[in-house]
Protein backbone atom coordinates (compact mmCIF):
# COMPACT_ATOMS: atom_id res chain seq x y z
CA MET A 1 192.57 82.83 265.30
CA SER A 2 195.38 84.97 266.76
CA LYS A 3 198.83 85.00 265.14
CA ALA A 4 200.37 83.82 268.41
CA ARG A 5 198.07 80.81 268.59
CA THR A 6 198.54 79.95 264.91
CA SER A 7 202.29 79.55 265.41
CA LEU A 8 202.07 77.05 268.30
CA PRO A 9 203.96 73.79 267.72
CA GLN A 10 202.12 70.46 267.74
CA ARG A 11 203.69 69.34 271.01
CA LEU A 12 202.00 72.23 272.84
CA LEU A 13 198.67 71.62 271.14
CA GLU A 14 198.64 68.16 272.69
CA TYR A 15 197.97 69.84 276.05
CA THR A 16 195.01 71.84 274.84
CA SER A 17 191.34 71.05 275.14
CA ILE A 18 188.16 72.00 273.31
CA GLN A 19 185.80 74.34 275.10
CA ASP A 20 182.42 72.63 274.78
CA TYR A 21 180.17 75.56 275.62
CA SER A 22 177.11 73.32 275.82
CA LEU A 23 178.53 71.70 278.96
CA TYR A 24 178.15 74.87 281.00
CA SER A 25 175.02 74.58 283.10
CA TYR A 26 172.63 77.28 284.25
CA ILE A 27 174.38 77.02 287.62
CA ASP A 28 177.78 77.57 286.00
CA GLN A 29 176.54 80.68 284.21
CA ALA A 30 175.04 81.97 287.45
CA VAL A 31 178.37 81.47 289.25
CA TRP A 32 180.17 83.49 286.55
CA ARG A 33 177.61 86.30 286.62
CA TYR A 34 177.60 86.55 290.40
CA VAL A 35 181.39 86.65 290.71
CA MET A 36 181.61 89.33 288.03
CA LYS A 37 178.70 91.28 289.49
CA ILE A 38 180.23 91.64 292.94
CA SER A 39 183.83 91.92 291.71
CA ILE A 40 183.67 94.72 289.14
CA PRO A 41 182.46 97.47 291.53
CA PHE A 42 185.07 96.38 294.09
CA PHE A 43 187.93 96.29 291.59
CA LYS A 44 187.02 99.68 290.14
CA LYS A 45 188.32 101.01 293.46
CA ASN A 46 190.92 98.44 294.44
CA ALA A 47 192.51 96.93 291.32
CA GLN A 48 195.26 98.41 289.16
CA LYS A 49 193.49 100.61 286.61
CA SER A 50 194.54 98.41 283.67
CA TYR A 51 192.29 95.64 285.02
CA ILE A 52 188.95 97.38 284.55
CA GLU A 53 190.10 98.88 281.25
CA GLY A 54 191.21 95.43 280.12
CA ILE A 55 187.89 93.71 280.88
CA LYS A 56 186.36 95.08 277.68
CA LYS A 57 189.57 95.26 275.68
CA VAL A 58 190.23 91.53 275.91
CA GLY A 59 186.62 90.44 275.53
CA ILE A 60 185.50 89.51 279.05
CA PRO A 61 181.67 89.49 279.21
CA THR A 62 180.00 90.00 282.56
CA GLU A 63 176.68 88.29 281.86
CA HIS A 64 177.92 84.94 280.58
CA ILE A 65 180.99 82.71 280.56
CA PRO A 66 183.36 83.89 277.82
CA LYS A 67 184.10 81.92 274.70
CA ILE A 68 187.85 81.42 274.59
CA ASP A 69 187.99 81.70 270.79
CA ASP A 70 186.42 85.15 271.08
CA MET A 71 189.01 86.15 273.67
CA ASP A 72 191.75 84.86 271.39
CA LYS A 73 190.64 87.24 268.65
CA LYS A 74 190.57 90.19 271.06
CA LEU A 75 193.99 89.38 272.52
CA ASP A 76 195.41 89.36 269.01
CA ASP A 77 195.14 93.15 269.11
CA PHE A 78 197.81 93.08 271.82
CA GLY A 79 200.04 90.52 270.10
CA TRP A 80 198.76 87.73 272.34
CA GLY A 81 196.35 84.84 272.02
CA ALA A 82 194.33 82.47 274.20
CA ILE A 83 193.82 78.73 274.07
CA SER A 84 191.70 76.22 275.99
CA VAL A 85 193.27 73.78 278.44
CA LYS A 86 191.87 71.43 281.06
CA GLY A 87 192.96 72.31 284.61
CA PHE A 88 196.63 72.02 285.52
CA ILE A 89 199.17 71.48 282.79
CA PRO A 90 202.89 70.81 283.44
CA PRO A 91 204.61 74.05 284.54
CA ILE A 92 207.24 73.92 281.78
CA ILE A 93 204.43 73.65 279.19
CA PHE A 94 202.50 76.52 280.76
CA MET A 95 205.64 78.66 280.70
CA GLU A 96 206.28 77.98 277.04
CA PHE A 97 202.74 79.07 276.21
CA LEU A 98 203.47 82.38 277.98
CA ALA A 99 206.83 82.70 276.25
CA ARG A 100 204.96 82.38 272.96
CA LYS A 101 202.44 85.02 274.15
CA VAL A 102 199.53 82.61 274.42
CA LEU A 103 197.44 82.54 277.61
CA PRO A 104 196.22 79.03 278.53
CA ILE A 105 192.68 79.25 279.89
CA ALA A 106 191.15 76.42 281.87
CA VAL A 107 187.75 75.52 280.43
CA ASP A 108 186.11 74.32 283.65
CA ILE A 109 184.48 76.65 286.13
CA ARG A 110 184.40 76.36 289.91
CA THR A 111 181.31 74.90 291.52
CA SER A 112 178.91 77.09 293.46
CA ASP A 113 180.20 75.47 296.67
CA HIS A 114 183.62 77.03 295.98
CA ILE A 115 182.43 80.27 294.45
CA THR A 116 184.77 82.47 296.50
CA TYR A 117 187.97 80.54 295.75
CA THR A 118 189.21 77.34 294.18
CA PRO A 119 192.78 75.95 294.16
CA ALA A 120 192.11 74.45 290.73
CA PRO A 121 192.62 76.56 287.61
CA ASP A 122 189.25 77.60 286.24
CA ILE A 123 187.90 80.01 283.68
CA ILE A 124 187.18 82.67 286.30
CA HIS A 125 190.81 82.64 287.41
CA GLU A 126 192.31 82.50 283.93
CA ALA A 127 189.91 84.65 281.93
CA ALA A 128 188.71 87.19 284.50
CA GLY A 129 191.95 87.11 286.50
CA HIS A 130 194.91 86.85 284.11
CA ALA A 131 193.63 88.13 280.78
CA PRO A 132 192.57 91.76 281.46
CA ILE A 133 195.99 92.90 282.72
CA ILE A 134 197.57 91.70 279.46
CA ALA A 135 196.21 94.91 277.95
CA ASN A 136 198.93 96.67 279.97
CA GLU A 137 202.05 96.62 277.78
CA ASP A 138 204.58 96.62 280.64
CA TYR A 139 202.80 93.79 282.43
CA SER A 140 202.35 91.63 279.33
CA GLU A 141 206.07 92.04 278.56
CA TYR A 142 206.91 90.85 282.08
CA LEU A 143 204.56 87.90 281.61
CA ARG A 144 206.23 86.94 278.33
CA CYS A 145 209.74 87.32 279.75
CA TYR A 146 208.78 85.31 282.80
CA GLY A 147 207.60 82.47 280.57
CA GLU A 148 210.81 82.69 278.53
CA VAL A 149 212.99 82.46 281.64
CA ALA A 150 210.90 79.93 283.56
CA LYS A 151 210.77 77.42 280.72
CA LYS A 152 214.57 77.13 281.02
CA ALA A 153 214.53 76.56 284.78
CA ILE A 154 215.88 73.34 286.21
CA GLU A 155 213.07 71.42 287.86
CA SER A 156 213.76 68.80 290.52
CA LYS A 157 212.29 65.33 290.73
CA SER A 158 210.60 66.50 293.92
CA ASP A 159 209.04 69.44 292.03
CA THR A 160 207.53 67.02 289.53
CA LYS A 161 206.09 64.87 292.30
CA GLN A 162 204.70 67.89 294.12
CA TYR A 163 203.09 69.18 290.93
CA GLU A 164 201.27 65.87 290.47
CA ILE A 165 199.99 65.93 294.07
CA VAL A 166 198.89 69.58 293.87
CA ARG A 167 197.17 68.90 290.56
CA ASN A 168 195.43 65.86 292.01
CA LEU A 169 194.37 67.76 295.13
CA SER A 170 192.95 70.77 293.30
CA VAL A 171 191.05 68.65 290.79
CA SER A 172 189.70 66.40 293.54
CA LYS A 173 188.48 69.34 295.63
CA GLU A 174 186.46 70.60 292.68
CA ASN A 175 185.06 67.13 291.90
CA PRO A 176 181.53 66.97 293.38
CA ASN A 177 181.61 63.17 293.16
CA ILE A 178 184.92 62.62 294.95
CA ASN A 179 185.01 59.93 297.64
CA PRO A 180 185.75 61.73 300.98
CA LYS A 181 188.23 59.00 301.97
CA ILE A 182 190.16 59.44 298.73
CA LEU A 183 190.19 63.23 299.17
CA LYS A 184 191.49 62.83 302.74
CA LYS A 185 194.30 60.59 301.50
CA ILE A 186 195.32 63.12 298.86
CA GLU A 187 195.24 65.93 301.44
CA CYS A 188 197.57 63.90 303.68
CA GLU A 189 199.95 63.36 300.75
CA PHE A 190 199.93 67.10 300.12
CA GLU A 191 200.72 67.90 303.76
CA THR A 192 203.53 65.35 303.80
CA ILE A 193 205.29 66.63 300.70
CA SER A 194 204.74 70.27 301.72
CA ASN A 195 206.57 69.65 304.99
CA GLN A 196 209.51 67.84 303.41
CA LYS A 197 212.77 69.77 303.25
CA THR A 198 214.17 69.40 299.77
CA TRP A 199 216.64 71.20 297.55
CA LEU A 200 215.10 74.43 296.31
CA SER A 201 215.33 74.25 292.54
CA GLU A 202 215.25 77.10 290.05
CA ALA A 203 211.73 76.02 289.10
CA SER A 204 210.66 76.27 292.75
CA GLU A 205 212.20 79.71 293.16
CA LEU A 206 210.53 80.95 290.00
CA ALA A 207 207.24 79.40 291.13
CA ARG A 208 207.50 81.60 294.21
CA MET A 209 208.22 84.66 292.07
CA ASN A 210 205.18 83.75 289.98
CA TRP A 211 203.04 83.38 293.09
CA TRP A 212 204.05 86.70 294.62
CA THR A 213 203.73 88.63 291.35
CA ILE A 214 201.53 87.14 288.64
CA GLU A 215 199.19 85.38 291.08
CA TYR A 216 199.22 87.40 294.30
CA GLY A 217 200.90 90.68 293.42
CA LEU A 218 200.06 94.20 294.54
CA VAL A 219 201.26 97.35 292.77
CA GLY A 220 201.69 101.00 293.69
CA ASP A 221 202.16 102.69 297.03
CA LEU A 222 203.02 100.43 299.94
CA THR A 223 200.38 102.03 302.16
CA ASN A 224 197.62 101.93 299.56
CA PRO A 225 198.47 99.30 296.95
CA LYS A 226 196.24 98.07 294.13
CA ILE A 227 195.59 94.47 293.13
CA TYR A 228 196.93 92.95 289.91
CA GLY A 229 197.59 89.30 290.77
CA ALA A 230 195.13 86.89 289.13
CA GLY A 231 194.80 84.78 292.29
CA LEU A 232 193.48 87.82 294.13
CA LEU A 233 191.43 89.11 291.21
CA SER A 234 189.60 85.78 291.04
CA SER A 235 189.17 85.28 294.79
CA VAL A 236 186.01 86.94 296.09
CA SER A 237 187.09 86.66 299.72
CA GLU A 238 190.86 87.16 299.66
CA SER A 239 190.65 90.14 297.31
CA VAL A 240 189.04 91.97 300.24
CA SER A 241 191.05 90.56 303.13
CA CYS A 242 194.41 91.03 301.37
CA LEU A 243 194.12 94.82 301.60
CA LYS A 244 193.65 94.83 305.36
CA ASN A 245 196.46 95.81 307.71
CA SER A 246 196.54 92.27 309.12
CA VAL A 247 198.21 91.16 305.87
CA LYS A 248 201.82 92.35 305.86
CA LYS A 249 202.87 94.35 302.79
CA ILE A 250 206.51 93.93 301.69
CA PRO A 251 208.35 95.85 298.95
CA ILE A 252 209.05 93.38 296.12
CA SER A 253 212.66 92.32 295.58
CA ILE A 254 214.51 89.26 294.40
CA ASP A 255 214.19 88.01 297.99
CA CYS A 256 210.56 87.06 297.26
CA ILE A 257 211.95 83.71 296.08
CA LYS A 258 212.79 82.94 299.72
CA GLN A 259 209.15 83.18 300.80
CA ASP A 260 207.17 79.94 300.57
CA TYR A 261 203.39 79.78 300.13
CA ASN A 262 200.45 77.46 300.70
CA ILE A 263 197.83 77.26 297.96
CA THR A 264 195.12 76.09 300.36
CA LYS A 265 195.26 79.08 302.75
CA PRO A 266 195.03 82.89 302.58
CA GLN A 267 198.45 84.53 302.38
CA PRO A 268 199.71 86.24 305.58
CA GLN A 269 201.99 88.54 303.58
CA LEU A 270 202.05 90.01 300.07
CA PHE A 271 204.66 91.80 297.96
CA VAL A 272 204.14 95.22 296.42
CA THR A 273 205.91 96.44 293.28
CA GLU A 274 206.12 100.14 292.49
CA SER A 275 205.56 99.39 288.78
CA PHE A 276 205.33 96.52 286.30
CA LYS A 277 208.66 97.56 284.78
CA ASN A 278 210.25 96.89 288.15
CA LEU A 279 209.10 93.27 287.92
CA LYS A 280 211.07 92.73 284.73
CA THR A 281 214.19 94.17 286.39
CA ILE A 282 213.88 91.71 289.26
CA LEU A 283 213.31 88.84 286.84
CA THR A 284 216.42 89.82 284.86
CA ASP A 285 218.49 89.94 288.04
CA TYR A 286 217.34 86.45 288.99
CA SER A 287 217.86 84.98 285.52
CA SER A 288 221.52 86.06 285.62
CA THR A 289 222.05 83.49 288.39
CA MET A 290 220.43 80.58 286.55
CA ALA A 291 222.26 77.54 285.20
CA TYR A 292 221.32 78.30 281.61
CA VAL A 293 223.21 81.60 281.90
CA ILE A 294 226.22 80.77 284.09
CA GLY A 295 227.10 77.22 282.92
CA GLY A 296 230.20 75.55 284.41
CA LYS A 297 230.43 73.73 287.72
CA PRO A 298 227.53 75.60 289.45
CA ALA A 299 225.19 74.59 286.62
CA VAL A 300 226.39 70.98 286.78
CA GLU A 301 225.74 70.86 290.52
CA LYS A 302 222.18 72.13 290.05
CA ALA A 303 221.51 69.56 287.34
CA ILE A 304 222.77 66.70 289.51
CA LEU A 305 220.72 67.84 292.50
CA SER A 306 217.59 67.98 290.35
CA GLU A 307 217.63 64.24 289.54
CA ASN A 308 215.59 65.27 286.53
CA THR A 309 215.96 65.72 282.78
CA THR A 310 218.16 68.67 281.84
CA THR A 311 220.04 69.75 278.72
CA THR A 312 223.79 70.39 278.91
CA VAL A 313 225.15 72.69 276.20
CA PHE A 314 228.84 72.41 275.28
CA ASP A 315 230.84 75.28 273.79
CA SER A 316 230.79 73.29 270.53
CA GLY A 317 227.01 73.67 270.39
CA LEU A 318 226.35 70.00 271.16
CA GLN A 319 223.40 69.46 273.51
CA VAL A 320 223.06 66.43 275.79
CA SER A 321 219.60 65.85 277.26
CA GLY A 322 219.11 63.39 280.09
CA ILE A 323 219.48 62.91 283.84
CA LEU A 324 222.98 64.03 284.81
CA ASN A 325 223.95 62.02 287.90
CA LYS A 326 227.73 62.32 288.16
CA CYS A 327 230.58 64.62 287.23
CA ILE A 328 234.33 64.12 287.55
CA TYR A 329 236.28 67.34 288.02
CA ASP A 330 239.87 68.05 287.03
CA LYS A 331 242.57 69.56 289.24
CA LYS A 332 241.29 73.03 288.41
CA ASN A 333 237.86 71.95 289.66
CA GLN A 334 236.38 72.11 286.17
CA PRO A 335 234.03 69.42 284.76
CA SER A 336 236.03 66.80 282.83
CA TYR A 337 233.66 63.82 282.55
CA LEU A 338 229.85 63.74 282.65
CA ASN A 339 227.70 60.69 283.26
CA TYR A 340 223.97 60.47 282.54
CA ILE A 341 221.50 57.76 283.55
CA GLY A 342 218.35 56.68 281.75
CA ARG A 343 217.22 57.83 278.33
CA THR A 344 219.60 60.37 276.80
CA GLN A 345 219.41 62.42 273.64
CA LEU A 346 222.16 64.23 271.70
CA CYS A 347 221.17 67.32 269.74
CA TYR A 348 222.43 70.32 267.85
CA ASN A 349 220.45 73.54 267.54
CA ASN A 350 217.54 71.89 269.41
CA SER A 351 217.26 69.10 266.83
CA GLU A 352 218.08 65.50 267.60
CA ILE A 353 221.14 64.25 265.72
CA ASP A 354 220.33 61.30 263.46
CA GLY A 355 220.93 58.06 265.31
CA GLN A 356 221.60 59.84 268.62
CA GLY A 357 218.19 59.68 270.28
CA THR A 358 216.90 57.80 273.29
CA GLU A 359 216.75 54.54 271.34
CA THR A 360 220.53 54.69 270.88
CA HIS A 361 221.10 55.81 274.48
CA PRO A 362 218.28 54.14 276.45
CA GLU A 363 220.25 53.52 279.64
CA GLY A 364 222.58 56.48 279.86
CA TYR A 365 225.52 58.28 278.37
CA GLY A 366 229.00 59.40 279.39
CA THR A 367 231.51 61.71 277.77
CA ALA A 368 234.79 63.50 278.32
CA LEU A 369 235.51 67.17 277.75
CA GLY A 370 238.56 69.37 277.81
CA ASP A 371 241.64 70.19 275.74
CA ILE A 372 243.63 67.55 273.84
CA ILE A 373 247.33 66.68 274.25
CA PRO A 374 249.50 67.93 272.57
CA LEU A 375 247.42 70.47 270.62
CA ASN A 376 246.08 72.37 273.65
CA LYS A 377 242.70 72.68 271.93
CA SER A 378 239.32 71.10 272.25
CA LEU A 379 238.34 68.49 269.67
CA TYR A 380 235.73 70.77 268.12
CA GLU A 381 238.39 73.43 267.51
CA LEU A 382 240.61 71.09 265.47
CA SER A 383 240.92 71.34 261.72
CA ASP A 384 240.92 68.23 259.53
CA GLU A 385 244.69 68.30 259.39
CA GLU A 386 244.96 68.58 263.17
CA LEU A 387 242.54 65.67 263.63
CA LYS A 388 244.75 63.56 261.38
CA THR A 389 247.77 64.21 263.63
CA ILE A 390 246.01 62.28 266.43
CA ASN A 391 244.59 59.65 264.01
CA VAL A 392 241.02 60.88 264.29
CA GLU A 393 239.93 59.61 260.87
CA PRO A 394 237.28 57.00 260.00
CA GLY A 395 238.82 53.51 260.15
CA LYS A 396 241.90 54.59 262.14
CA ASN A 397 242.80 53.42 265.64
CA SER A 398 243.25 56.44 267.86
CA THR A 399 244.23 57.23 271.42
CA ILE A 400 242.93 60.64 272.45
CA LYS A 401 244.57 62.06 275.54
CA PHE A 402 243.15 64.95 277.54
CA TYR A 403 245.12 67.31 279.75
CA ASN A 404 242.81 66.42 282.61
CA GLY A 405 244.10 62.82 282.52
CA LEU A 406 241.31 61.16 280.59
CA ILE A 407 242.25 58.71 277.83
CA VAL A 408 239.87 57.54 275.08
CA SER A 409 241.13 54.68 272.88
CA GLY A 410 239.32 52.97 270.02
CA THR A 411 238.61 52.78 266.32
CA ILE A 412 237.15 55.90 264.73
CA LYS A 413 233.85 54.98 263.09
CA ASN A 414 232.34 58.34 262.21
CA ILE A 415 232.81 62.08 262.72
CA ILE A 416 229.72 64.27 262.83
CA LYS A 417 230.30 67.90 261.91
CA TYR A 418 228.19 71.02 262.00
CA GLU A 419 229.39 74.22 260.37
CA ASP A 420 232.61 72.37 259.45
CA LYS A 421 233.38 71.70 263.12
CA PRO A 422 233.42 68.21 264.70
CA ILE A 423 230.86 67.95 267.48
CA LEU A 424 230.62 64.15 267.92
CA ILE A 425 233.09 61.33 267.25
CA THR A 426 231.80 57.75 267.22
CA LEU A 427 234.25 54.97 268.12
CA ASP A 428 234.16 51.16 268.26
CA ASN A 429 236.09 48.85 270.59
CA VAL A 430 236.51 51.71 273.03
CA SER A 431 238.05 52.04 276.45
CA VAL A 432 237.82 55.22 278.48
CA SER A 433 239.91 55.65 281.62
CA LEU A 434 241.00 58.20 284.16
CA GLU A 435 244.09 57.01 286.01
CA ASP A 436 242.99 53.62 287.47
CA ASN A 437 239.27 54.22 286.91
CA ILE A 438 237.63 52.50 283.93
CA LEU A 439 234.76 54.66 282.67
CA PHE A 440 233.90 52.72 279.50
CA GLU A 441 234.81 49.24 278.29
CA PRO A 442 234.90 47.74 274.75
CA ALA A 443 232.17 45.23 275.64
CA TRP A 444 229.70 48.03 276.23
CA GLY A 445 229.48 48.77 272.50
CA GLN A 446 229.69 51.96 270.49
CA TYR A 447 230.98 55.10 272.20
CA ASP A 448 229.97 58.61 271.14
CA LEU A 449 232.55 61.16 272.25
CA ALA A 450 231.21 64.68 272.60
CA CYS A 451 233.51 67.40 271.31
CA GLY A 452 233.80 70.30 273.67
CA ASN A 453 235.88 71.99 276.31
CA LYS A 454 233.41 73.85 278.48
CA ILE A 455 229.79 73.66 279.61
CA VAL A 456 228.29 76.99 278.64
CA SER A 457 224.72 76.31 279.74
CA ILE A 458 222.38 73.82 281.39
CA TYR A 459 218.61 74.21 281.34
CA GLY A 460 215.56 72.18 282.31
CA GLY A 461 213.95 69.66 279.99
CA PRO A 462 215.16 68.10 276.71
CA ALA A 463 216.49 70.04 273.74
CA ASP A 464 214.29 68.35 271.16
CA TRP A 465 210.92 67.88 272.85
CA LYS A 466 209.24 66.36 269.83
CA ASN A 467 211.60 63.38 269.71
CA TYR A 468 212.26 63.08 273.43
CA GLN A 469 208.65 63.29 274.62
CA SER A 470 207.49 60.42 272.42
CA LEU A 471 208.72 58.17 275.21
CA GLU A 472 208.54 60.48 278.20
CA LEU A 473 205.11 62.07 277.98
CA THR A 474 201.80 60.27 277.74
CA LYS A 475 198.20 61.41 277.54
CA GLU A 476 196.97 59.20 280.36
CA ASN A 477 196.58 62.19 282.70
CA ILE A 478 195.22 64.61 280.12
CA SER A 479 191.49 65.09 280.56
CA TYR A 480 188.90 67.09 278.73
CA HIS A 481 186.10 69.55 279.32
CA SER A 482 183.47 68.02 281.57
CA SER A 483 180.24 69.05 283.23
CA ASN A 484 179.85 70.02 286.89
CA LEU A 485 176.36 68.51 287.02
CA THR A 486 175.65 65.52 289.25
CA GLU A 487 172.50 63.54 289.93
CA LYS A 488 171.94 65.74 292.99
CA THR A 489 172.21 69.01 291.06
CA GLU A 490 170.40 68.14 287.82
CA TYR A 491 167.00 69.21 289.12
CA LEU A 492 168.49 72.23 290.88
CA ASN A 493 170.00 73.25 287.55
CA LYS A 494 166.53 73.13 285.99
CA LEU A 495 165.32 75.52 288.69
CA TYR A 496 168.16 77.90 287.81
CA GLY A 497 167.10 77.68 284.17
CA LYS A 498 163.50 78.33 285.06
CA VAL A 499 164.43 81.42 287.07
CA GLU A 500 166.47 82.75 284.15
CA LYS A 501 163.57 82.28 281.75
CA LEU A 502 161.12 83.93 284.16
CA LYS A 503 163.46 86.88 284.53
CA ASN A 504 163.79 87.29 280.77
CA LYS A 505 159.99 87.22 280.44
CA LYS A 506 159.69 89.71 283.31
CA ALA A 507 157.26 87.35 285.02
CA SER A 508 155.45 88.33 288.22
CA SER A 509 157.01 87.68 291.62
CA GLU A 510 154.45 84.99 292.43
CA ASN A 511 156.16 82.66 289.96
CA TYR A 512 159.32 82.70 292.06
CA MET A 513 157.55 81.80 295.28
CA LYS A 514 156.95 78.25 294.05
CA ILE A 515 160.63 77.84 293.23
CA LEU A 516 161.68 79.24 296.60
CA LYS A 517 159.41 76.78 298.37
CA ILE A 518 161.21 73.89 296.65
CA VAL A 519 164.61 75.36 297.52
CA TYR A 520 163.67 75.86 301.18
CA GLU A 521 162.42 72.29 301.45
CA GLN A 522 164.91 70.35 299.33
CA TYR A 523 168.11 72.40 299.10
CA ASP A 524 169.02 73.65 302.56
CA LYS A 525 172.55 74.62 301.46
CA GLU A 526 171.54 76.53 298.34
CA TRP A 527 172.10 80.28 298.73
CA LEU A 528 173.08 81.47 295.24
CA LEU A 529 169.70 80.80 293.62
CA CYS A 530 168.08 82.51 296.59
CA MET A 531 170.30 85.55 296.04
CA ILE A 532 169.38 85.66 292.34
CA ILE A 533 165.66 85.57 293.16
CA TYR A 534 166.15 88.17 295.90
CA GLU A 535 167.62 90.59 293.37
CA ILE A 536 164.62 90.05 291.07
CA ILE A 537 161.84 90.46 293.65
CA TYR A 538 163.56 92.89 296.04
CA LYS A 539 161.53 95.94 294.99
CA ASP A 540 158.15 94.22 294.98
CA LYS A 541 156.24 95.91 297.82
CA THR A 542 153.32 93.45 297.51
CA ILE A 543 155.42 90.63 298.99
CA GLU A 544 157.49 92.49 301.56
CA ASN A 545 157.19 89.70 304.13
CA GLU A 546 158.37 87.05 301.67
CA VAL A 547 161.26 89.26 300.60
CA GLN A 548 162.33 89.80 304.20
CA PHE A 549 162.05 86.09 304.92
CA LEU A 550 164.22 85.38 301.89
CA LYS A 551 166.83 87.91 303.03
CA ASN A 552 166.94 86.40 306.51
CA HIS A 553 167.36 82.97 304.93
CA ILE A 554 170.32 84.22 302.85
CA ILE A 555 171.93 85.92 305.85
CA LYS A 556 172.10 82.57 307.64
CA PHE A 557 174.77 81.48 305.16
CA LYS A 558 177.08 84.25 306.41
CA SER A 559 178.02 81.89 309.24
CA ASP A 560 180.28 80.30 306.63
CA LEU A 561 183.26 82.68 306.78
CA GLN A 562 184.19 81.89 303.16
CA LEU A 563 180.74 83.05 302.01
CA LYS A 564 180.32 85.96 304.41
CA ASN A 565 181.93 88.61 302.26
CA ALA A 566 180.41 87.36 299.02
CA ILE A 567 176.91 87.46 300.48
CA GLU A 568 177.37 90.87 302.09
CA ARG A 569 178.62 92.37 298.84
CA GLY A 570 175.75 90.79 296.92
CA LEU A 571 173.11 92.12 299.30
CA GLU A 572 174.70 95.55 299.28
CA LEU A 573 174.64 95.74 295.49
CA VAL A 574 171.00 94.68 295.33
CA GLU A 575 169.84 97.08 298.01
CA GLU A 576 171.82 100.00 296.62
CA ASP A 577 170.41 99.13 293.20
CA LEU A 578 173.86 99.10 291.66
CA SER A 579 174.27 97.61 288.24
CA LEU A 580 177.25 96.99 285.98
């Protein structure tokens, strides 16, 4: 096991799956082989050179679906690792895997019906698309840095909803047993949410950067770029069409975050970077604008707009995780009182403070911040002697007045300190007011006053995932490795297996004629098995008529524009007698 994978925390392992290699059918293996067979010759000419070099370096076999544990061992040579997951996982979780230099690889594989492209993550996309470029040091560093930055992005409530719909849509499209009416309903939901105008969160902007670089990026000269994006490297059809003049090529810049995308359609424009190092520069420029870097009022406004869980970091080091829904500003337009709704958690150094978790704050939290009258300092800056001057001692009644007008009155119950500095003061029988506005009343119970003057950072998600997620995250949507086989394809799969065994035994061409007869009669939409047999019997001069009939039968499937290129490339390779 790789060092990177060994160091993963338990909360990330909960999103992983076990790759059950026995669940891959003969059809699945044939899909992998065919995609690799027609892709490698094409990408030798059209992909960034690190891709072909990386195929062997990171353990990508061409004749069978890779074992993710084997890839993990190979990636360890580059300081990375690989781990199995099932389809879509929450973006913030995916980003943390990348930040920890572990590539999540979906265990399922696309069906033969969607051999050229699937919107759902699959092992072709993850293993054959993402993994090889990791062998390039500059690219893998960008990938790690992207994960590090993106995991801190503020994600909106709308983003979360859209993720669930996209996940549902992609999984449903790859489900051979899906009810057409249910699929239609999900497609309508996707169209509706895609057309809604919502606040563009940091997570959305970074998702666009991810799409136009990691997924659909081109590199090199603008007039003759090479492919490096995994979405293109794993798409048999779009990898060809993307290089045509009809697809606009744009020099990459931070402005790529302004360009939206649709996962269900080919992209009308793509962005080209001159080098992988340039990508990291753009990412750094963007990160300097994010709430976790700038803090203050702009960060507060982003958190409120998100309507989602964020973590506010005070200059004292105290972290407040929850849904920030309101902020009162002082006369200098600086945050002076924060109000959270729903479950809230108080932390220090990413660890929940004892007794300050979501069970203590199940319905929200509010706190003041700023300098104290008459000391002109924040509470966390006060020494023990200075605290005594305003009666901030356990058991004492105290009235704490802020320069911004806030007044906190009550009995000091406890003072929590870290590094000899107060970060949280607990009071009983408390009233909090700002002029005529009552912000907290004695009847509401215990009040925990955060010590701090400024908000130095706000980032997406809770500070202490382990304690916060016990209530927020469930496993009800986490699924596991499953088989693509259905009642309709079980017998077809046996035919694939029979063809493979005949090929290994170097059996005569006559043996395949019986199988072809069954395919012609019972599987009118089956082209891949026909292509496999065509490659085997192509040179047999004794059955020229049958071979020509088979070719004509395969060519009929070119009427499907999604299959056209895949079939043409397959026929060309067979007839030119090219091999990997």
